[in-house]
Protein backbone atom coordinates (compact mmCIF):
# COMPACT_ATOMS: atom_id res chain seq x y z
CA MET A 1 56.42 19.14 14.08
CA LYS A 2 53.84 19.08 11.23
CA ILE A 3 51.00 21.43 10.68
CA LEU A 4 48.17 19.18 9.68
CA LEU A 5 45.31 21.25 8.18
CA LEU A 6 42.29 20.56 6.01
CA ILE A 7 43.46 21.91 2.70
CA ALA A 8 41.22 22.96 -0.20
CA LEU A 9 41.36 20.62 -3.19
CA ALA A 10 43.37 23.17 -5.15
CA VAL A 11 46.12 25.15 -3.50
CA VAL A 12 45.78 28.90 -4.27
CA ALA A 13 48.74 29.51 -6.55
CA ALA A 14 48.60 33.30 -6.41
CA ALA A 15 48.75 35.72 -3.56
CA PRO A 16 45.25 36.29 -2.09
CA THR A 17 43.30 39.19 -3.46
CA LEU A 18 40.28 38.73 -1.29
CA ALA A 19 38.82 41.40 1.01
CA GLN A 20 40.53 44.51 -0.30
CA ASP A 21 37.49 46.36 1.06
CA PRO A 22 35.59 43.69 3.19
CA ALA A 23 33.04 46.23 4.25
CA LYS A 24 31.88 46.79 0.72
CA ASN A 25 32.61 43.31 -0.66
CA PRO A 26 32.54 40.87 2.25
CA PRO A 27 34.24 37.59 1.30
CA THR A 28 32.48 34.34 1.85
CA GLU A 29 35.71 32.42 2.55
CA PHE A 30 39.38 33.31 3.14
CA PRO A 31 42.10 31.16 1.65
CA LYS A 32 43.47 28.55 4.18
CA GLU A 33 46.78 27.99 2.36
CA TRP A 34 48.72 29.22 -0.66
CA ILE A 35 52.20 29.36 -2.16
CA ASP A 36 53.45 32.96 -2.21
CA PRO A 37 54.04 33.58 -5.93
CA ASP A 38 56.84 36.12 -5.20
CA THR A 39 58.87 33.84 -2.90
CA GLY A 40 57.69 30.20 -3.41
CA HIS A 41 57.15 29.65 0.27
CA ARG A 42 54.02 28.01 1.69
CA VAL A 43 51.76 30.23 3.86
CA VAL A 44 49.03 28.77 6.09
CA ARG A 45 46.31 30.65 7.93
CA LEU A 46 46.23 29.21 11.32
CA THR A 47 43.30 30.97 12.79
CA ASP A 48 39.69 31.30 11.70
CA GLU A 49 38.53 34.08 14.00
CA PRO A 50 38.64 37.50 12.36
CA GLY A 51 40.56 39.81 14.73
CA SER A 52 42.67 37.01 15.97
CA GLN A 53 46.24 37.90 16.86
CA SER A 54 49.56 36.23 17.83
CA LEU A 55 51.50 37.57 20.80
CA TYR A 56 54.03 40.34 20.93
CA PHE A 57 57.36 39.25 19.45
CA HIS A 58 59.17 38.55 22.78
CA GLN A 59 56.17 36.96 24.58
CA ASN A 60 56.51 33.18 24.23
CA PRO A 61 53.34 31.57 22.92
CA TYR A 62 54.53 27.97 22.49
CA THR A 63 54.85 24.80 24.60
CA ALA A 64 58.35 23.38 24.63
CA THR A 65 57.38 20.49 22.36
CA GLY A 66 55.82 22.93 19.96
CA ASP A 67 52.51 21.08 19.79
CA LYS A 68 50.42 24.03 21.02
CA MET A 69 50.39 27.84 20.74
CA VAL A 70 48.15 30.53 22.27
CA PHE A 71 46.59 33.41 20.50
CA THR A 72 44.01 36.03 21.29
CA SER A 73 40.73 37.20 19.70
CA ARG A 74 37.82 39.42 20.71
CA ALA A 75 36.28 36.27 22.41
CA GLY A 76 39.35 35.72 24.64
CA LEU A 77 42.38 33.46 24.92
CA HIS A 78 42.63 30.54 22.54
CA VAL A 79 44.95 27.53 22.26
CA TYR A 80 45.91 26.13 18.76
CA ASP A 81 46.88 22.57 18.29
CA PHE A 82 49.49 22.02 15.60
CA LYS A 83 48.69 18.28 15.38
CA THR A 84 45.06 18.72 14.57
CA GLY A 85 45.00 22.13 13.02
CA LYS A 86 42.21 23.01 15.50
CA SER A 87 41.86 25.76 18.07
CA LYS A 88 39.65 26.15 21.10
CA LEU A 89 38.67 29.01 23.40
CA LEU A 90 40.60 28.57 26.57
CA VAL A 91 39.65 31.73 28.60
CA GLU A 92 36.65 33.90 27.84
CA GLY A 93 37.10 37.70 27.92
CA ARG A 94 39.88 40.10 27.75
CA THR A 95 43.34 39.05 29.08
CA GLY A 96 46.55 40.95 29.39
CA SER A 97 50.25 40.41 30.02
CA LEU A 98 50.00 36.95 28.36
CA VAL A 99 52.98 34.53 28.30
CA VAL A 100 53.21 30.69 28.06
CA GLY A 101 55.41 28.59 30.27
CA PRO A 102 56.75 26.16 27.66
CA LYS A 103 57.70 23.42 30.21
CA THR A 104 54.72 23.84 32.60
CA ARG A 105 52.27 24.18 29.62
CA GLN A 106 50.46 27.04 31.44
CA ALA A 107 49.22 30.37 30.14
CA TYR A 108 49.98 33.17 32.68
CA TYR A 109 47.94 36.37 32.38
CA VAL A 110 46.00 39.15 34.02
CA LYS A 111 42.25 39.26 33.99
CA ASP A 112 40.04 41.59 36.01
CA GLY A 113 42.85 42.71 38.30
CA SER A 114 44.11 39.20 39.11
CA VAL A 115 46.94 37.04 37.86
CA TYR A 116 46.01 33.53 36.63
CA ALA A 117 47.54 30.33 35.40
CA THR A 118 45.57 28.15 32.97
CA SER A 119 46.59 24.77 31.59
CA LEU A 120 46.75 24.67 27.89
CA ASP A 121 45.83 20.88 28.04
CA THR A 122 42.99 20.77 30.52
CA GLY A 123 41.82 24.37 30.77
CA GLU A 124 42.12 24.08 34.65
CA THR A 125 42.64 27.60 36.02
CA ARG A 126 44.27 28.78 39.21
CA LEU A 127 44.34 32.16 40.79
CA ILE A 128 47.93 33.15 41.58
CA VAL A 129 47.31 36.55 43.18
CA LYS A 130 44.82 39.36 43.13
CA ARG A 131 46.62 42.61 42.51
CA PRO A 132 44.60 45.23 40.64
CA ASP A 133 47.36 47.80 41.22
CA LEU A 134 49.91 45.99 38.96
CA ARG A 135 49.03 48.35 36.10
CA GLY A 136 50.73 50.81 33.80
CA GLY A 137 53.83 48.88 33.00
CA SER A 138 55.02 46.00 30.89
CA GLY A 139 53.57 42.60 30.12
CA PHE A 140 54.90 39.51 32.06
CA GLY A 141 58.26 38.09 31.83
CA LEU A 142 58.70 34.38 32.85
CA ASN A 143 62.07 33.15 34.37
CA ALA A 144 64.09 30.26 33.10
CA ASP A 145 62.91 27.69 35.63
CA GLU A 146 59.27 28.94 35.34
CA THR A 147 58.95 29.79 39.00
CA LEU A 148 58.62 33.55 38.78
CA LEU A 149 56.78 36.10 36.73
CA GLY A 150 58.20 39.60 36.31
CA GLY A 151 56.99 43.00 35.29
CA SER A 152 56.87 46.66 36.00
CA TYR A 153 54.09 48.91 37.29
CA VAL A 154 53.20 52.49 38.43
CA GLU A 155 53.38 52.46 42.15
CA ASP A 156 50.96 55.12 43.35
CA GLY A 157 48.00 54.16 41.21
CA ARG A 158 48.33 57.11 38.83
CA GLN A 159 47.96 56.21 35.17
CA PHE A 160 49.12 57.99 32.08
CA VAL A 161 46.25 58.41 29.73
CA ASN A 162 47.36 57.74 26.21
CA PRO A 163 45.76 60.03 23.58
CA THR A 164 43.57 57.98 21.27
CA PRO A 165 44.72 57.81 17.71
CA PRO A 166 42.05 58.82 15.14
CA ALA A 167 40.14 56.13 13.29
CA PRO A 168 41.20 55.47 9.66
CA GLY A 169 39.89 58.31 7.44
CA GLN A 170 39.20 60.60 10.38
CA PRO A 171 40.94 63.82 11.19
CA GLY A 172 43.64 63.67 13.79
CA ASP A 173 43.95 67.29 14.75
CA ASN A 174 43.99 66.52 18.50
CA TYR A 175 46.31 63.50 18.32
CA PRO A 176 49.92 64.43 19.15
CA GLY A 177 51.43 61.41 17.22
CA LYS A 178 53.22 58.51 18.84
CA GLY A 179 56.49 60.33 19.16
CA ASN A 180 54.96 63.22 21.01
CA MET A 181 52.88 60.83 23.22
CA MET A 182 56.10 58.92 24.14
CA GLN A 183 57.75 62.33 24.97
CA GLN A 184 54.78 63.19 27.27
CA ARG A 185 54.86 59.97 28.97
CA LEU A 186 58.59 60.05 29.58
CA ALA A 187 58.25 63.57 31.01
CA ALA A 188 55.56 62.46 33.42
CA LYS A 189 58.22 60.84 35.67
CA LEU A 190 55.63 58.47 37.28
CA PRO A 191 57.09 56.45 40.06
CA MET A 192 57.57 52.83 38.98
CA ALA A 193 58.91 49.50 40.17
CA LEU A 194 60.14 46.30 38.84
CA TYR A 195 58.68 43.30 40.56
CA THR A 196 58.47 39.42 40.65
CA ILE A 197 55.52 37.16 41.44
CA ASN A 198 56.12 33.75 42.86
CA ILE A 199 53.98 31.52 40.75
CA LYS A 200 53.41 28.95 43.51
CA SER A 201 52.75 31.22 46.46
CA GLY A 202 51.62 34.45 44.81
CA GLU A 203 54.10 36.52 46.76
CA VAL A 204 54.97 39.82 45.08
CA LYS A 205 58.38 41.33 45.60
CA GLU A 206 59.50 44.74 44.47
CA PHE A 207 63.22 45.25 43.95
CA TYR A 208 63.90 48.37 41.88
CA HIS A 209 62.28 51.77 42.08
CA ALA A 210 62.63 54.68 39.62
CA THR A 211 60.77 57.50 37.98
CA ASP A 212 62.03 56.39 34.59
CA TRP A 213 59.54 54.68 32.27
CA LEU A 214 60.25 50.97 33.01
CA ASN A 215 59.08 48.62 30.17
CA HIS A 216 59.72 45.53 28.02
CA VAL A 217 60.55 43.30 31.05
CA GLN A 218 62.03 39.96 30.06
CA PHE A 219 63.96 37.22 31.86
CA SER A 220 67.12 35.48 30.75
CA PRO A 221 66.33 32.03 29.12
CA THR A 222 69.29 30.54 31.13
CA ASP A 223 69.65 32.45 34.35
CA PRO A 224 66.37 32.49 36.46
CA GLU A 225 67.52 35.43 38.52
CA LEU A 226 68.53 37.79 35.59
CA MET A 227 66.00 40.29 34.18
CA MET A 228 66.19 42.65 31.18
CA PHE A 229 64.06 45.88 31.11
CA CYS A 230 64.17 49.11 29.19
CA HIS A 231 64.04 52.85 29.88
CA GLU A 232 61.14 53.53 27.45
CA GLY A 233 60.70 56.82 25.62
CA PRO A 234 61.79 58.39 22.43
CA TRP A 235 64.65 56.18 21.52
CA HIS A 236 66.99 58.83 20.70
CA GLU A 237 66.63 60.39 24.16
CA VAL A 238 67.12 57.31 26.38
CA ASP A 239 69.82 54.79 27.18
CA ARG A 240 67.30 52.04 26.75
CA ILE A 241 68.53 48.47 27.36
CA TRP A 242 69.32 47.34 30.90
CA SER A 243 69.91 44.16 32.83
CA ILE A 244 69.47 43.62 36.64
CA ARG A 245 69.53 40.87 39.23
CA ILE A 246 66.18 40.24 40.80
CA ASP A 247 67.60 41.19 44.27
CA GLY A 248 68.18 44.67 42.70
CA SER A 249 71.94 44.26 42.39
CA ASN A 250 74.20 44.62 39.29
CA ARG A 251 72.05 46.90 37.26
CA ARG A 252 73.89 47.40 33.93
CA LEU A 253 73.38 49.43 30.85
CA MET A 254 73.75 47.00 27.92
CA HIS A 255 74.16 49.49 25.07
CA LYS A 256 75.20 53.08 25.47
CA ARG A 257 74.49 55.54 22.73
CA THR A 258 77.69 57.25 21.30
CA MET A 259 76.23 59.78 18.79
CA ASP A 260 73.43 62.22 18.32
CA MET A 261 70.17 60.44 17.17
CA GLU A 262 71.51 57.03 17.73
CA ILE A 263 68.81 54.56 18.71
CA ALA A 264 68.67 50.99 20.06
CA GLY A 265 65.56 49.14 20.94
CA HIS A 266 63.04 46.32 20.44
CA GLU A 267 65.48 44.26 22.48
CA PHE A 268 64.97 40.51 23.02
CA PHE A 269 66.79 37.60 24.56
CA GLY A 270 68.28 34.85 22.43
CA PRO A 271 70.16 31.62 23.19
CA GLY A 272 73.71 31.74 24.38
CA ASN A 273 73.20 34.64 26.88
CA MET A 274 72.62 37.00 24.03
CA ILE A 275 70.55 40.21 24.05
CA TRP A 276 69.72 41.20 20.43
CA TYR A 277 68.27 44.64 19.28
CA ASP A 278 67.60 47.05 16.50
CA LEU A 279 70.50 49.56 16.23
CA GLN A 280 70.55 52.64 14.03
CA THR A 281 73.64 54.90 13.85
CA PRO A 282 72.09 57.38 13.46
CA LYS A 283 68.24 56.92 13.37
CA SER A 284 66.89 56.23 9.85
CA GLN A 285 70.27 56.20 8.16
CA VAL A 286 72.53 53.22 9.12
CA PHE A 287 70.90 50.01 10.20
CA TRP A 288 72.22 47.09 12.28
CA LEU A 289 70.97 43.95 14.06
CA ALA A 290 73.22 44.13 17.12
CA GLY A 291 73.82 41.80 20.00
CA VAL A 292 75.62 41.73 23.36
CA ASN A 293 76.48 38.70 25.55
CA VAL A 294 75.29 39.43 29.10
CA VAL A 295 78.06 37.22 30.55
CA ASN A 296 81.22 38.28 28.72
CA ASP A 297 80.12 41.54 27.03
CA LYS A 298 81.02 40.23 23.61
CA ARG A 299 79.30 42.38 20.92
CA ILE A 300 78.14 41.54 17.40
CA ARG A 301 76.77 43.63 14.67
CA TYR A 302 75.15 42.59 11.42
CA LYS A 303 74.68 45.31 8.80
CA VAL A 304 71.03 45.53 7.56
CA PRO A 305 70.23 47.25 4.26
CA ARG A 306 67.47 49.88 4.51
CA GLU A 307 65.12 47.77 2.38
CA GLU A 308 65.49 44.76 4.81
CA TRP A 309 65.10 46.66 8.07
CA SER A 310 62.32 45.27 10.25
CA VAL A 311 60.06 46.75 12.85
CA HIS A 312 60.90 43.61 14.92
CA PHE A 313 63.60 40.98 14.54
CA ASN A 314 63.66 37.58 16.17
CA VAL A 315 66.09 34.67 16.50
CA SER A 316 65.59 30.89 16.11
CA PRO A 317 65.80 28.58 19.23
CA ASP A 318 69.28 27.45 18.13
CA GLY A 319 70.56 30.95 17.53
CA LYS A 320 71.53 30.35 13.92
CA LEU A 321 68.72 32.10 12.08
CA PHE A 322 67.01 35.40 12.32
CA ALA A 323 63.62 36.71 11.10
CA GLY A 324 62.18 40.16 10.39
CA ASP A 325 58.70 41.48 9.67
CA GLY A 326 59.67 44.36 7.41
CA GLY A 327 58.27 47.78 7.70
CA GLY A 328 55.62 50.11 6.20
CA PRO A 329 55.60 53.47 4.40
CA ASN A 330 55.70 55.35 7.71
CA SER A 331 58.46 53.36 9.37
CA VAL A 332 61.80 54.79 10.45
CA ALA A 333 63.35 53.11 7.41
CA ALA A 334 61.09 54.85 5.00
CA PRO A 335 61.36 55.61 2.15
CA GLY A 336 62.61 52.35 0.68
CA ASN A 337 61.79 49.84 3.43
CA GLY A 338 60.35 46.50 2.16
CA GLN A 339 57.06 44.94 3.21
CA TRP A 340 58.05 41.33 3.59
CA ILE A 341 58.56 38.60 6.11
CA TYR A 342 62.25 37.92 6.05
CA LEU A 343 64.66 35.12 6.89
CA PHE A 344 68.22 36.07 7.67
CA VAL A 345 71.23 33.86 7.90
CA PRO A 346 74.45 35.32 9.31
CA ASP A 347 77.41 35.53 6.82
CA GLY A 348 80.37 37.30 8.34
CA ASP A 349 79.27 40.74 9.42
CA ARG A 350 76.24 40.68 7.22
CA LEU A 351 73.03 38.72 6.82
CA LYS A 352 71.99 36.75 3.77
CA THR A 353 68.39 37.50 3.19
CA GLN A 354 65.50 35.38 1.89
CA ARG A 355 62.00 36.78 1.41
CA LEU A 356 59.24 34.53 2.63
CA VAL A 357 55.97 36.42 2.36
CA ASN A 358 54.95 39.42 0.40
CA LEU A 359 53.21 41.87 2.81
CA ALA A 360 52.45 44.57 0.20
CA LYS A 361 48.79 44.41 1.25
CA HIS A 362 49.48 44.51 4.93
CA ASN A 363 48.73 47.76 6.82
CA TYR A 364 51.67 48.24 9.28
CA GLY A 365 49.46 50.01 11.76
CA LEU A 366 49.47 46.34 12.89
CA GLU A 367 52.90 45.01 13.63
CA PRO A 368 53.35 41.47 12.29
CA ASN A 369 55.59 40.36 15.25
CA VAL A 370 57.50 37.27 13.92
CA THR A 371 58.29 34.28 16.01
CA PHE A 372 60.01 30.87 15.18
CA THR A 373 58.15 27.73 16.15
CA PRO A 374 60.17 25.52 18.41
CA ASP A 375 61.15 23.20 15.59
CA GLN A 376 62.30 26.11 13.55
CA LYS A 377 60.32 24.97 10.44
CA TRP A 378 57.84 27.79 10.53
CA ILE A 379 57.69 31.48 11.29
CA VAL A 380 54.44 32.70 12.71
CA PHE A 381 53.01 36.22 12.40
CA ARG A 382 49.89 38.16 12.34
CA SER A 383 48.65 40.09 9.33
CA ASN A 384 45.66 42.00 7.97
CA MET A 385 46.68 41.26 4.35
CA LEU A 386 43.26 39.51 3.70
CA GLY A 387 41.37 42.39 5.47
CA PRO A 388 40.62 41.10 8.89
CA THR A 389 43.56 40.23 11.10
CA PHE A 390 44.56 36.49 11.33
CA VAL A 391 47.49 34.51 12.54
CA PHE A 392 49.61 32.90 9.80
CA ALA A 393 52.61 30.57 9.51
CA VAL A 394 55.17 30.54 6.62
CA GLU A 395 57.34 27.55 5.95
CA VAL A 396 61.02 28.40 6.36
CA GLN A 397 62.06 25.91 3.65
CA LYS A 398 60.26 25.80 0.37
CA SER A 399 57.94 22.89 -0.02
CA LYS A 400 59.09 20.38 -2.66
């Protein structure tokens, strides 16, 4: 797959310095493409809409052939065409729980209390089911044969009201902080359920009920009846990563903590029946990228140096490469964490690291959320390094 874009006559040879304070010095144009001077890798800005964002790191945005990708902006849901380098607005207004069916080429999402499917090619939209009560849980998972959506929700209609973080530069005396907020939500013990939605019929089935905070719902990429979910909360207080059959059977804890302050999280499925996750033994001191095979329970750990730890990791479609989005000065790996987009290649029990993009000007209040394109030639991420947020892609191999 090639990214064909209109390129300025001269490629920007240095990292962009535009929009350090766009409110005081608004730029007339943002660079479309440049070679990162610190890494030698080509970076392309894919979106033109300020405030545009790629999806959360485990929500698939791509078609199977890799020709199209979805992203969001204040205007709504957009589809980007890698062949033309153009994007168009697909769905107006705010959407939630967004995920793309790579084979069906449909975007599945919630809008105004209903679940819809929209074709990335034609824009044709179909109502799947109207269920305003499916709130307060995770975004959608999509199963391997693209017949079911899955998620979690609060059953009795109650909602936990998250305290609003203060605006930049404003006092935050009444904001408890994310850690305390997560503690309060965990302690609320709201009744929740896991559910599936039949994409064809709209039938909703609940199959597991708990007062734990159920989140991060994902489906196995190979087994259409296997789901992963997490017990959300302060990571050092929860055994987080679980798998379950969608008939409610065989619920299994996939990683059990063994020491005080051990944490495991930001879990995601990879090829070969693998669940990968960030593991720290204990928190903020010893870092790993860990994996467990859901079929045979084989476990893998790759040591990660503090400076290469990432808020989110991800894996290539063939399972041979990993990517990371680095971390900011307030991350759990601070001090010393690096602000980079990383490429990792397994080497024994460690990872060979290559820096792809310098994110020194990125504010990690926005998480970059790296994903590989289906052809594995690009890593897509979101960033505010130019001031406004845009979606970018960095070439995995250096351009010749």
